[in-house]
Amino acid sequence: MKILVVDDEKKIADALAERLRLRSFEAEPVYDGTSALSSLRTDSFDGVILDLRLPDIDGIDILRQTKAAKPEIRVVILSGHGNEQDFKTCLGLGAVACFQKPANIQKLIEALVES
């Protein structure tokens, strides 16, 4: 399973991608919304772990564009700033789960792989 990890906090994105790799996932970290959208257009991912607060494009906009282009992709929101309304909006747009940082890696994986 190939996962795109999107977080502007480089250390968090890199650490999360590494933890996924240790569990036999392919994981690619990117650090802004523009890079996320570019990666999603040019590569095939099964899932996305997406931060909501990015420096260039709001995570909700990325979620909206991602689900419009690839409705089958599983998107998990992971945010340190998301609130209940943000999470409700994301779930309505097709996110499969929303978590506050820091989140349990096993719960993230379960959300990504549940069918």
PDB file of N, CA and C in Angstrom:
ATOM      1  N   MET A   1       0.854  -1.176   0.000  1.00  0.00           N
ATOM      2  CA  MET A   1       0.000   0.000   0.000  1.00  0.00           C
ATOM      3  C   MET A   1       0.898   1.236   0.000  1.00  0.00           C
ATOM      4  N   LYS A   2       0.603   2.179  -0.871  1.00  0.00           N
ATOM      5  CA  LYS A   2       1.417   3.382  -1.011  1.00  0.00           C
ATOM      6  C   LYS A   2       0.677   4.584  -0.409  1.00  0.00           C
ATOM      7  N   ILE A   3       1.357   5.274   0.512  1.00  0.00           N
ATOM      8  CA  ILE A   3       0.747   6.364   1.276  1.00  0.00           C
ATOM      9  C   ILE A   3       1.512   7.666   1.055  1.00  0.00           C
ATOM     10  N   LEU A   4       0.783   8.729   0.799  1.00  0.00           N
ATOM     11  CA  LEU A   4       1.355  10.074   0.739  1.00  0.00           C
ATOM     12  C   LEU A   4       1.138  10.732   2.096  1.00  0.00           C
ATOM     13  N   VAL A   5       2.209  11.213   2.706  1.00  0.00           N
ATOM     14  CA  VAL A   5       2.142  11.886   4.000  1.00  0.00           C
ATOM     15  C   VAL A   5       2.354  13.375   3.754  1.00  0.00           C
ATOM     16  N   VAL A   6       1.346  14.184   4.105  1.00  0.00           N
ATOM     17  CA  VAL A   6       1.389  15.623   3.835  1.00  0.00           C
ATOM     18  C   VAL A   6       1.367  16.384   5.152  1.00  0.00           C
ATOM     19  N   ASP A   7       2.477  17.027   5.479  1.00  0.00           N
ATOM     20  CA  ASP A   7       2.569  17.831   6.703  1.00  0.00           C
ATOM     21  C   ASP A   7       3.670  18.853   6.524  1.00  0.00           C
ATOM     22  N   ASP A   8       3.392  20.106   6.873  1.00  0.00           N
ATOM     23  CA  ASP A   8       4.400  21.149   6.725  1.00  0.00           C
ATOM     24  C   ASP A   8       5.488  21.073   7.799  1.00  0.00           C
ATOM     25  N   GLU A   9       5.246  20.295   8.841  1.00  0.00           N
ATOM     26  CA  GLU A   9       6.289  20.067   9.839  1.00  0.00           C
ATOM     27  C   GLU A   9       7.117  18.884   9.354  1.00  0.00           C
ATOM     28  N   LYS A  10       8.270  19.207   8.755  1.00  0.00           N
ATOM     29  CA  LYS A  10       9.100  18.215   8.081  1.00  0.00           C
ATOM     30  C   LYS A  10       9.441  17.034   8.989  1.00  0.00           C
ATOM     31  N   LYS A  11       9.786  17.312  10.237  1.00  0.00           N
ATOM     32  CA  LYS A  11      10.158  16.231  11.155  1.00  0.00           C
ATOM     33  C   LYS A  11       8.995  15.263  11.367  1.00  0.00           C
ATOM     34  N   ILE A  12       7.788  15.802  11.455  1.00  0.00           N
ATOM     35  CA  ILE A  12       6.608  14.950  11.658  1.00  0.00           C
ATOM     36  C   ILE A  12       6.345  14.113  10.409  1.00  0.00           C
ATOM     37  N   ALA A  13       6.373  14.759   9.245  1.00  0.00           N
ATOM     38  CA  ALA A  13       6.122  14.029   7.989  1.00  0.00           C
ATOM     39  C   ALA A  13       7.158  12.935   7.780  1.00  0.00           C
ATOM     40  N   ASP A  14       8.416  13.259   7.986  1.00  0.00           N
ATOM     41  CA  ASP A  14       9.479  12.274   7.781  1.00  0.00           C
ATOM     42  C   ASP A  14       9.371  11.127   8.785  1.00  0.00           C
ATOM     43  N   ALA A  15       9.100  11.443  10.037  1.00  0.00           N
ATOM     44  CA  ALA A  15       8.992  10.403  11.065  1.00  0.00           C
ATOM     45  C   ALA A  15       7.797   9.490  10.785  1.00  0.00           C
ATOM     46  N   LEU A  16       6.684  10.072  10.398  1.00  0.00           N
ATOM     47  CA  LEU A  16       5.498   9.280  10.102  1.00  0.00           C
ATOM     48  C   LEU A  16       5.734   8.379   8.888  1.00  0.00           C
ATOM     49  N   ALA A  17       6.348   8.922   7.855  1.00  0.00           N
ATOM     50  CA  ALA A  17       6.670   8.117   6.675  1.00  0.00           C
ATOM     51  C   ALA A  17       7.601   6.966   7.049  1.00  0.00           C
ATOM     52  N   GLU A  18       8.574   7.232   7.877  1.00  0.00           N
ATOM     53  CA  GLU A  18       9.505   6.180   8.298  1.00  0.00           C
ATOM     54  C   GLU A  18       8.792   5.109   9.121  1.00  0.00           C
ATOM     55  N   ARG A  19       7.903   5.512  10.005  1.00  0.00           N
ATOM     56  CA  ARG A  19       7.156   4.542  10.811  1.00  0.00           C
ATOM     57  C   ARG A  19       6.265   3.669   9.922  1.00  0.00           C
ATOM     58  N   LEU A  20       5.716   4.252   8.870  1.00  0.00           N
ATOM     59  CA  LEU A  20       4.919   3.465   7.918  1.00  0.00           C
ATOM     60  C   LEU A  20       5.807   2.478   7.154  1.00  0.00           C
ATOM     61  N   ARG A  21       6.993   2.941   6.734  1.00  0.00           N
ATOM     62  CA  ARG A  21       7.922   2.057   6.014  1.00  0.00           C
ATOM     63  C   ARG A  21       8.336   0.865   6.877  1.00  0.00           C
ATOM     64  N   LEU A  22       8.539   1.106   8.164  1.00  0.00           N
ATOM     65  CA  LEU A  22       8.903   0.024   9.079  1.00  0.00           C
ATOM     66  C   LEU A  22       7.798  -1.020   9.193  1.00  0.00           C
ATOM     67  N   ARG A  23       6.588  -0.635   8.805  1.00  0.00           N
ATOM     68  CA  ARG A  23       5.444  -1.548   8.823  1.00  0.00           C
ATOM     69  C   ARG A  23       5.085  -2.014   7.411  1.00  0.00           C
ATOM     70  N   SER A  24       6.061  -1.947   6.514  1.00  0.00           N
ATOM     71  CA  SER A  24       5.959  -2.494   5.151  1.00  0.00           C
ATOM     72  C   SER A  24       5.058  -1.704   4.208  1.00  0.00           C
ATOM     73  N   PHE A  25       4.812  -0.442   4.500  1.00  0.00           N
ATOM     74  CA  PHE A  25       4.109   0.431   3.566  1.00  0.00           C
ATOM     75  C   PHE A  25       5.139   1.188   2.741  1.00  0.00           C
ATOM     76  N   GLU A  26       4.741   1.589   1.537  1.00  0.00           N
ATOM     77  CA  GLU A  26       5.517   2.582   0.800  1.00  0.00           C
ATOM     78  C   GLU A  26       4.987   3.925   1.279  1.00  0.00           C
ATOM     79  N   ALA A  27       5.855   4.842   1.627  1.00  0.00           N
ATOM     80  CA  ALA A  27       5.402   6.133   2.129  1.00  0.00           C
ATOM     81  C   ALA A  27       6.279   7.248   1.578  1.00  0.00           C
ATOM     82  N   GLU A  28       5.622   8.292   1.108  1.00  0.00           N
ATOM     83  CA  GLU A  28       6.323   9.450   0.551  1.00  0.00           C
ATOM     84  C   GLU A  28       5.885  10.700   1.301  1.00  0.00           C
ATOM     85  N   PRO A  29       6.818  11.389   1.952  1.00  0.00           N
ATOM     86  CA  PRO A  29       6.451  12.636   2.621  1.00  0.00           C
ATOM     87  C   PRO A  29       6.561  13.837   1.680  1.00  0.00           C
ATOM     88  N   VAL A  30       5.625  14.762   1.811  1.00  0.00           N
ATOM     89  CA  VAL A  30       5.712  16.075   1.164  1.00  0.00           C
ATOM     90  C   VAL A  30       5.329  17.110   2.207  1.00  0.00           C
ATOM     91  N   TYR A  31       5.739  18.361   1.983  1.00  0.00           N
ATOM     92  CA  TYR A  31       5.685  19.351   3.055  1.00  0.00           C
ATOM     93  C   TYR A  31       4.801  20.562   2.765  1.00  0.00           C
ATOM     94  N   ASP A  32       4.051  20.511   1.672  1.00  0.00           N
ATOM     95  CA  ASP A  32       3.124  21.608   1.370  1.00  0.00           C
ATOM     96  C   ASP A  32       2.034  21.095   0.435  1.00  0.00           C
ATOM     97  N   GLY A  33       0.991  21.882   0.302  1.00  0.00           N
ATOM     98  CA  GLY A  33      -0.155  21.478  -0.495  1.00  0.00           C
ATOM     99  C   GLY A  33       0.134  21.370  -1.977  1.00  0.00           C
ATOM    100  N   THR A  34       0.944  22.274  -2.499  1.00  0.00           N
ATOM    101  CA  THR A  34       1.287  22.248  -3.924  1.00  0.00           C
ATOM    102  C   THR A  34       1.993  20.950  -4.280  1.00  0.00           C
ATOM    103  N   SER A  35       2.943  20.544  -3.450  1.00  0.00           N
ATOM    104  CA  SER A  35       3.655  19.283  -3.682  1.00  0.00           C
ATOM    105  C   SER A  35       2.719  18.093  -3.548  1.00  0.00           C
ATOM    106  N   ALA A  36       1.793  18.165  -2.608  1.00  0.00           N
ATOM    107  CA  ALA A  36       0.829  17.078  -2.424  1.00  0.00           C
ATOM    108  C   ALA A  36      -0.018  16.894  -3.674  1.00  0.00           C
ATOM    109  N   LEU A  37      -0.578  17.980  -4.175  1.00  0.00           N
ATOM    110  CA  LEU A  37      -1.420  17.887  -5.368  1.00  0.00           C
ATOM    111  C   LEU A  37      -0.628  17.416  -6.576  1.00  0.00           C
ATOM    112  N   SER A  38       0.604  17.879  -6.700  1.00  0.00           N
ATOM    113  CA  SER A  38       1.461  17.451  -7.802  1.00  0.00           C
ATOM    114  C   SER A  38       1.737  15.948  -7.712  1.00  0.00           C
ATOM    115  N   SER A  39       2.073  15.465  -6.518  1.00  0.00           N
ATOM    116  CA  SER A  39       2.335  14.036  -6.328  1.00  0.00           C
ATOM    117  C   SER A  39       1.094  13.209  -6.626  1.00  0.00           C
ATOM    118  N   LEU A  40      -0.056  13.695  -6.203  1.00  0.00           N
ATOM    119  CA  LEU A  40      -1.302  12.961  -6.433  1.00  0.00           C
ATOM    120  C   LEU A  40      -1.669  12.900  -7.921  1.00  0.00           C
ATOM    121  N   ARG A  41      -1.262  13.926  -8.681  1.00  0.00           N
ATOM    122  CA  ARG A  41      -1.531  13.929 -10.122  1.00  0.00           C
ATOM    123  C   ARG A  41      -0.589  12.999 -10.875  1.00  0.00           C
ATOM    124  N   THR A  42       0.662  12.890 -10.408  1.00  0.00           N
ATOM    125  CA  THR A  42       1.679  12.183 -11.183  1.00  0.00           C
ATOM    126  C   THR A  42       1.971  10.771 -10.697  1.00  0.00           C
ATOM    127  N   ASP A  43       1.471  10.403  -9.536  1.00  0.00           N
ATOM    128  CA  ASP A  43       1.765   9.088  -8.974  1.00  0.00           C
ATOM    129  C   ASP A  43       0.478   8.464  -8.457  1.00  0.00           C
ATOM    130  N   SER A  44       0.530   7.194  -8.213  1.00  0.00           N
ATOM    131  CA  SER A  44      -0.648   6.475  -7.736  1.00  0.00           C
ATOM    132  C   SER A  44      -0.485   6.151  -6.251  1.00  0.00           C
ATOM    133  N   PHE A  45      -1.408   6.631  -5.445  1.00  0.00           N
ATOM    134  CA  PHE A  45      -1.393   6.373  -4.008  1.00  0.00           C
ATOM    135  C   PHE A  45      -2.689   5.687  -3.607  1.00  0.00           C
ATOM    136  N   ASP A  46      -2.595   4.828  -2.598  1.00  0.00           N
ATOM    137  CA  ASP A  46      -3.772   4.167  -2.046  1.00  0.00           C
ATOM    138  C   ASP A  46      -4.386   4.998  -0.923  1.00  0.00           C
ATOM    139  N   GLY A  47      -3.548   5.811  -0.286  1.00  0.00           N
ATOM    140  CA  GLY A  47      -4.030   6.606   0.828  1.00  0.00           C
ATOM    141  C   GLY A  47      -3.199   7.854   1.039  1.00  0.00           C
ATOM    142  N   VAL A  48      -3.786   8.771   1.805  1.00  0.00           N
ATOM    143  CA  VAL A  48      -3.132  10.035   2.134  1.00  0.00           C
ATOM    144  C   VAL A  48      -3.351  10.308   3.616  1.00  0.00           C
ATOM    145  N   ILE A  49      -2.282  10.683   4.301  1.00  0.00           N
ATOM    146  CA  ILE A  49      -2.393  11.241   5.643  1.00  0.00           C
ATOM    147  C   ILE A  49      -2.158  12.725   5.466  1.00  0.00           C
ATOM    148  N   LEU A  50      -3.173  13.526   5.806  1.00  0.00           N
ATOM    149  CA  LEU A  50      -3.199  14.935   5.428  1.00  0.00           C
ATOM    150  C   LEU A  50      -3.365  15.857   6.629  1.00  0.00           C
ATOM    151  N   ASP A  51      -2.438  16.787   6.770  1.00  0.00           N
ATOM    152  CA  ASP A  51      -2.558  17.860   7.757  1.00  0.00           C
ATOM    153  C   ASP A  51      -3.523  18.909   7.199  1.00  0.00           C
ATOM    154  N   LEU A  52      -4.227  19.575   8.078  1.00  0.00           N
ATOM    155  CA  LEU A  52      -5.182  20.598   7.613  1.00  0.00           C
ATOM    156  C   LEU A  52      -4.542  21.962   7.417  1.00  0.00           C
ATOM    157  N   ARG A  53      -3.594  22.304   8.243  1.00  0.00           N
ATOM    158  CA  ARG A  53      -2.993  23.641   8.188  1.00  0.00           C
ATOM    159  C   ARG A  53      -1.652  23.576   7.470  1.00  0.00           C
ATOM    160  N   LEU A  54      -1.678  23.961   6.214  1.00  0.00           N
ATOM    161  CA  LEU A  54      -0.475  23.976   5.388  1.00  0.00           C
ATOM    162  C   LEU A  54      -0.188  25.411   4.966  1.00  0.00           C
ATOM    163  N   PRO A  55       1.047  25.731   4.641  1.00  0.00           N
ATOM    164  CA  PRO A  55       1.391  27.128   4.366  1.00  0.00           C
ATOM    165  C   PRO A  55       0.799  27.703   3.085  1.00  0.00           C
ATOM    166  N   ASP A  56       0.500  26.840   2.104  1.00  0.00           N
ATOM    167  CA  ASP A  56       0.095  27.366   0.804  1.00  0.00           C
ATOM    168  C   ASP A  56      -1.348  27.046   0.417  1.00  0.00           C
ATOM    169  N   ILE A  57      -1.828  25.866   0.738  1.00  0.00           N
ATOM    170  CA  ILE A  57      -3.185  25.453   0.378  1.00  0.00           C
ATOM    171  C   ILE A  57      -3.814  24.801   1.601  1.00  0.00           C
ATOM    172  N   ASP A  58      -5.028  25.155   1.903  1.00  0.00           N
ATOM    173  CA  ASP A  58      -5.727  24.580   3.041  1.00  0.00           C
ATOM    174  C   ASP A  58      -5.948  23.085   2.813  1.00  0.00           C
ATOM    175  N   GLY A  59      -5.761  22.288   3.865  1.00  0.00           N
ATOM    176  CA  GLY A  59      -5.939  20.845   3.758  1.00  0.00           C
ATOM    177  C   GLY A  59      -7.336  20.442   3.300  1.00  0.00           C
ATOM    178  N   ILE A  60      -8.344  21.204   3.691  1.00  0.00           N
ATOM    179  CA  ILE A  60      -9.706  20.893   3.256  1.00  0.00           C
ATOM    180  C   ILE A  60      -9.820  21.040   1.740  1.00  0.00           C
ATOM    181  N   ASP A  61      -9.160  22.045   1.170  1.00  0.00           N
ATOM    182  CA  ASP A  61      -9.158  22.197  -0.292  1.00  0.00           C
ATOM    183  C   ASP A  61      -8.440  21.030  -0.971  1.00  0.00           C
ATOM    184  N   ILE A  62      -7.351  20.572  -0.369  1.00  0.00           N
ATOM    185  CA  ILE A  62      -6.633  19.421  -0.926  1.00  0.00           C
ATOM    186  C   ILE A  62      -7.515  18.182  -0.870  1.00  0.00           C
ATOM    187  N   LEU A  63      -8.191  17.994   0.247  1.00  0.00           N
ATOM    188  CA  LEU A  63      -9.114  16.861   0.381  1.00  0.00           C
ATOM    189  C   LEU A  63     -10.197  16.925  -0.699  1.00  0.00           C
ATOM    190  N   ARG A  64     -10.782  18.081  -0.877  1.00  0.00           N
ATOM    191  CA  ARG A  64     -11.849  18.260  -1.867  1.00  0.00           C
ATOM    192  C   ARG A  64     -11.342  17.906  -3.271  1.00  0.00           C
ATOM    193  N   GLN A  65     -10.190  18.447  -3.647  1.00  0.00           N
ATOM    194  CA  GLN A  65      -9.640  18.178  -4.984  1.00  0.00           C
ATOM    195  C   GLN A  65      -9.249  16.716  -5.153  1.00  0.00           C
ATOM    196  N   THR A  66      -8.691  16.132  -4.110  1.00  0.00           N
ATOM    197  CA  THR A  66      -8.261  14.737  -4.167  1.00  0.00           C
ATOM    198  C   THR A  66      -9.450  13.815  -4.368  1.00  0.00           C
ATOM    199  N   LYS A  67     -10.492  14.000  -3.575  1.00  0.00           N
ATOM    200  CA  LYS A  67     -11.663  13.122  -3.673  1.00  0.00           C
ATOM    201  C   LYS A  67     -12.424  13.334  -4.981  1.00  0.00           C
ATOM    202  N   ALA A  68     -12.385  14.551  -5.533  1.00  0.00           N
ATOM    203  CA  ALA A  68     -13.035  14.799  -6.821  1.00  0.00           C
ATOM    204  C   ALA A  68     -12.308  14.056  -7.942  1.00  0.00           C
ATOM    205  N   ALA A  69     -10.987  14.045  -7.883  1.00  0.00           N
ATOM    206  CA  ALA A  69     -10.194  13.406  -8.936  1.00  0.00           C
ATOM    207  C   ALA A  69     -10.078  11.894  -8.743  1.00  0.00           C
ATOM    208  N   LYS A  70      -9.988  11.460  -7.490  1.00  0.00           N
ATOM    209  CA  LYS A  70      -9.769  10.038  -7.184  1.00  0.00           C
ATOM    210  C   LYS A  70     -10.639   9.645  -5.999  1.00  0.00           C
ATOM    211  N   PRO A  71     -11.924   9.429  -6.233  1.00  0.00           N
ATOM    212  CA  PRO A  71     -12.837   9.160  -5.115  1.00  0.00           C
ATOM    213  C   PRO A  71     -12.494   7.911  -4.311  1.00  0.00           C
ATOM    214  N   GLU A  72     -11.736   6.995  -4.897  1.00  0.00           N
ATOM    215  CA  GLU A  72     -11.414   5.746  -4.212  1.00  0.00           C
ATOM    216  C   GLU A  72     -10.289   5.883  -3.188  1.00  0.00           C
ATOM    217  N   ILE A  73      -9.537   6.967  -3.246  1.00  0.00           N
ATOM    218  CA  ILE A  73      -8.382   7.119  -2.365  1.00  0.00           C
ATOM    219  C   ILE A  73      -8.846   7.343  -0.922  1.00  0.00           C
ATOM    220  N   ARG A  74      -8.150   6.700   0.002  1.00  0.00           N
ATOM    221  CA  ARG A  74      -8.492   6.815   1.425  1.00  0.00           C
ATOM    222  C   ARG A  74      -7.684   7.967   2.023  1.00  0.00           C
ATOM    223  N   VAL A  75      -8.373   8.941   2.590  1.00  0.00           N
ATOM    224  CA  VAL A  75      -7.722  10.113   3.169  1.00  0.00           C
ATOM    225  C   VAL A  75      -7.995  10.141   4.667  1.00  0.00           C
ATOM    226  N   VAL A  76      -6.926  10.213   5.437  1.00  0.00           N
ATOM    227  CA  VAL A  76      -7.003  10.334   6.882  1.00  0.00           C
ATOM    228  C   VAL A  76      -6.465  11.715   7.250  1.00  0.00           C
ATOM    229  N   ILE A  77      -7.241  12.452   8.013  1.00  0.00           N
ATOM    230  CA  ILE A  77      -6.823  13.782   8.463  1.00  0.00           C
ATOM    231  C   ILE A  77      -6.058  13.634   9.772  1.00  0.00           C
ATOM    232  N   LEU A  78      -4.906  14.290   9.846  1.00  0.00           N
ATOM    233  CA  LEU A  78      -4.094  14.309  11.059  1.00  0.00           C
ATOM    234  C   LEU A  78      -3.700  15.754  11.303  1.00  0.00           C
ATOM    235  N   SER A  79      -4.276  16.368  12.330  1.00  0.00           N
ATOM    236  CA  SER A  79      -4.071  17.798  12.521  1.00  0.00           C
ATOM    237  C   SER A  79      -3.833  18.152  13.983  1.00  0.00           C
ATOM    238  N   GLY A  80      -2.975  19.100  14.188  1.00  0.00           N
ATOM    239  CA  GLY A  80      -2.765  19.637  15.525  1.00  0.00           C
ATOM    240  C   GLY A  80      -3.678  20.811  15.803  1.00  0.00           C
ATOM    241  N   HIS A  81      -4.363  21.302  14.768  1.00  0.00           N
ATOM    242  CA  HIS A  81      -5.186  22.500  14.908  1.00  0.00           C
ATOM    243  C   HIS A  81      -6.647  22.282  14.526  1.00  0.00           C
ATOM    244  N   GLY A  82      -6.962  21.103  14.029  1.00  0.00           N
ATOM    245  CA  GLY A  82      -8.331  20.844  13.593  1.00  0.00           C
ATOM    246  C   GLY A  82      -9.300  20.858  14.765  1.00  0.00           C
ATOM    247  N   ASN A  83     -10.495  21.335  14.496  1.00  0.00           N
ATOM    248  CA  ASN A  83     -11.529  21.332  15.531  1.00  0.00           C
ATOM    249  C   ASN A  83     -12.674  20.423  15.075  1.00  0.00           C
ATOM    250  N   GLU A  84     -13.672  20.299  15.914  1.00  0.00           N
ATOM    251  CA  GLU A  84     -14.786  19.400  15.615  1.00  0.00           C
ATOM    252  C   GLU A  84     -15.471  19.762  14.292  1.00  0.00           C
ATOM    253  N   GLN A  85     -15.647  21.047  14.028  1.00  0.00           N
ATOM    254  CA  GLN A  85     -16.289  21.462  12.774  1.00  0.00           C
ATOM    255  C   GLN A  85     -15.426  21.114  11.566  1.00  0.00           C
ATOM    256  N   ASP A  86     -14.114  21.344  11.672  1.00  0.00           N
ATOM    257  CA  ASP A  86     -13.205  20.956  10.584  1.00  0.00           C
ATOM    258  C   ASP A  86     -13.309  19.463  10.303  1.00  0.00           C
ATOM    259  N   PHE A  87     -13.296  18.665  11.358  1.00  0.00           N
ATOM    260  CA  PHE A  87     -13.349  17.215  11.198  1.00  0.00           C
ATOM    261  C   PHE A  87     -14.686  16.785  10.599  1.00  0.00           C
ATOM    262  N   LYS A  88     -15.756  17.415  11.009  1.00  0.00           N
ATOM    263  CA  LYS A  88     -17.081  17.097  10.458  1.00  0.00           C
ATOM    264  C   LYS A  88     -17.106  17.414   8.960  1.00  0.00           C
ATOM    265  N   THR A  89     -16.535  18.562   8.587  1.00  0.00           N
ATOM    266  CA  THR A  89     -16.450  18.946   7.178  1.00  0.00           C
ATOM    267  C   THR A  89     -15.646  17.916   6.392  1.00  0.00           C
ATOM    268  N   CYS A  90     -14.504  17.512   6.937  1.00  0.00           N
ATOM    269  CA  CYS A  90     -13.633  16.547   6.251  1.00  0.00           C
ATOM    270  C   CYS A  90     -14.330  15.203   6.063  1.00  0.00           C
ATOM    271  N   LEU A  91     -15.013  14.737   7.076  1.00  0.00           N
ATOM    272  CA  LEU A  91     -15.738  13.468   6.957  1.00  0.00           C
ATOM    273  C   LEU A  91     -16.837  13.578   5.907  1.00  0.00           C
ATOM    274  N   GLY A  92     -17.487  14.733   5.847  1.00  0.00           N
ATOM    275  CA  GLY A  92     -18.513  14.964   4.836  1.00  0.00           C
ATOM    276  C   GLY A  92     -17.954  14.993   3.425  1.00  0.00           C
ATOM    277  N   LEU A  93     -16.698  15.378   3.299  1.00  0.00           N
ATOM    278  CA  LEU A  93     -16.047  15.423   1.987  1.00  0.00           C
ATOM    279  C   LEU A  93     -15.415  14.089   1.593  1.00  0.00           C
ATOM    280  N   GLY A  94     -15.471  13.118   2.495  1.00  0.00           N
ATOM    281  CA  GLY A  94     -14.976  11.792   2.136  1.00  0.00           C
ATOM    282  C   GLY A  94     -13.764  11.290   2.887  1.00  0.00           C
ATOM    283  N   ALA A  95     -13.249  12.051   3.848  1.00  0.00           N
ATOM    284  CA  ALA A  95     -12.161  11.521   4.670  1.00  0.00           C
ATOM    285  C   ALA A  95     -12.687  10.307   5.431  1.00  0.00           C
ATOM    286  N   VAL A  96     -11.843   9.309   5.630  1.00  0.00           N
ATOM    287  CA  VAL A  96     -12.284   8.097   6.320  1.00  0.00           C
ATOM    288  C   VAL A  96     -12.124   8.199   7.828  1.00  0.00           C
ATOM    289  N   ALA A  97     -11.268   9.131   8.296  1.00  0.00           N
ATOM    290  CA  ALA A  97     -11.064   9.323   9.729  1.00  0.00           C
ATOM    291  C   ALA A  97     -10.330  10.635   9.954  1.00  0.00           C
ATOM    292  N   CYS A  98     -10.472  11.162  11.160  1.00  0.00           N
ATOM    293  CA  CYS A  98      -9.786  12.394  11.557  1.00  0.00           C
ATOM    294  C   CYS A  98      -9.182  12.185  12.936  1.00  0.00           C
ATOM    295  N   PHE A  99      -7.929  12.594  13.090  1.00  0.00           N
ATOM    296  CA  PHE A  99      -7.222  12.449  14.355  1.00  0.00           C
ATOM    297  C   PHE A  99      -6.513  13.745  14.718  1.00  0.00           C
ATOM    298  N   GLN A 100      -6.423  14.006  16.011  1.00  0.00           N
ATOM    299  CA  GLN A 100      -5.598  15.090  16.524  1.00  0.00           C
ATOM    300  C   GLN A 100      -4.167  14.568  16.680  1.00  0.00           C
ATOM    301  N   LYS A 101      -3.187  15.443  16.448  1.00  0.00           N
ATOM    302  CA  LYS A 101      -1.791  15.087  16.717  1.00  0.00           C
ATOM    303  C   LYS A 101      -1.567  15.139  18.225  1.00  0.00           C
ATOM    304  N   PRO A 102      -0.746  14.300  18.757  1.00  0.00           N
ATOM    305  CA  PRO A 102      -0.152  13.128  18.113  1.00  0.00           C
ATOM    306  C   PRO A 102      -1.161  11.987  18.090  1.00  0.00           C
ATOM    307  N   ALA A 103      -1.116  11.188  17.057  1.00  0.00           N
ATOM    308  CA  ALA A 103      -2.059  10.078  16.927  1.00  0.00           C
ATOM    309  C   ALA A 103      -1.312   8.755  17.009  1.00  0.00           C
ATOM    310  N   ASN A 104      -2.011   7.758  17.440  1.00  0.00           N
ATOM    311  CA  ASN A 104      -1.476   6.415  17.522  1.00  0.00           C
ATOM    312  C   ASN A 104      -1.285   5.874  16.104  1.00  0.00           C
ATOM    313  N   ILE A 105      -0.079   5.413  15.793  1.00  0.00           N
ATOM    314  CA  ILE A 105       0.228   4.935  14.444  1.00  0.00           C
ATOM    315  C   ILE A 105      -0.670   3.762  14.055  1.00  0.00           C
ATOM    316  N   GLN A 106      -0.985   2.911  14.995  1.00  0.00           N
ATOM    317  CA  GLN A 106      -1.831   1.759  14.677  1.00  0.00           C
ATOM    318  C   GLN A 106      -3.237   2.204  14.276  1.00  0.00           C
ATOM    319  N   LYS A 107      -3.769   3.226  14.928  1.00  0.00           N
ATOM    320  CA  LYS A 107      -5.103   3.744  14.578  1.00  0.00           C
ATOM    321  C   LYS A 107      -5.080   4.373  13.181  1.00  0.00           C
ATOM    322  N   LEU A 108      -3.998   5.081  12.856  1.00  0.00           N
ATOM    323  CA  LEU A 108      -3.865   5.646  11.509  1.00  0.00           C
ATOM    324  C   LEU A 108      -3.861   4.541  10.456  1.00  0.00           C
ATOM    325  N   ILE A 109      -3.088   3.502  10.716  1.00  0.00           N
ATOM    326  CA  ILE A 109      -2.999   2.397   9.765  1.00  0.00           C
ATOM    327  C   ILE A 109      -4.353   1.705   9.619  1.00  0.00           C
ATOM    328  N   GLU A 110      -5.027   1.476  10.727  1.00  0.00           N
ATOM    329  CA  GLU A 110      -6.344   0.832  10.661  1.00  0.00           C
ATOM    330  C   GLU A 110      -7.297   1.649   9.802  1.00  0.00           C
ATOM    331  N   ALA A 111      -7.273   2.965   9.940  1.00  0.00           N
ATOM    332  CA  ALA A 111      -8.145   3.822   9.138  1.00  0.00           C
ATOM    333  C   ALA A 111      -7.782   3.748   7.658  1.00  0.00           C
ATOM    334  N   LEU A 112      -6.498   3.628   7.361  1.00  0.00           N
ATOM    335  CA  LEU A 112      -6.068   3.568   5.967  1.00  0.00           C
ATOM    336  C   LEU A 112      -6.420   2.246   5.287  1.00  0.00           C
ATOM    337  N   VAL A 113      -6.407   1.158   6.032  1.00  0.00           N
ATOM    338  CA  VAL A 113      -6.568  -0.150   5.398  1.00  0.00           C
ATOM    339  C   VAL A 113      -7.966  -0.746   5.561  1.00  0.00           C
ATOM    340  N   GLU A 114      -8.805  -0.199   6.409  1.00  0.00           N
ATOM    341  CA  GLU A 114     -10.157  -0.740   6.560  1.00  0.00           C
ATOM    342  C   GLU A 114     -10.898  -0.645   5.247  1.00  0.00           C
ATOM    343  N   SER A 115     -11.696  -1.673   4.973  1.00  0.00           N
ATOM    344  CA  SER A 115     -12.455  -1.640   3.727  1.00  0.00           C
ATOM    345  C   SER A 115     -13.931  -1.565   3.986  1.00  0.00           C
TER     346      SER A 115
END
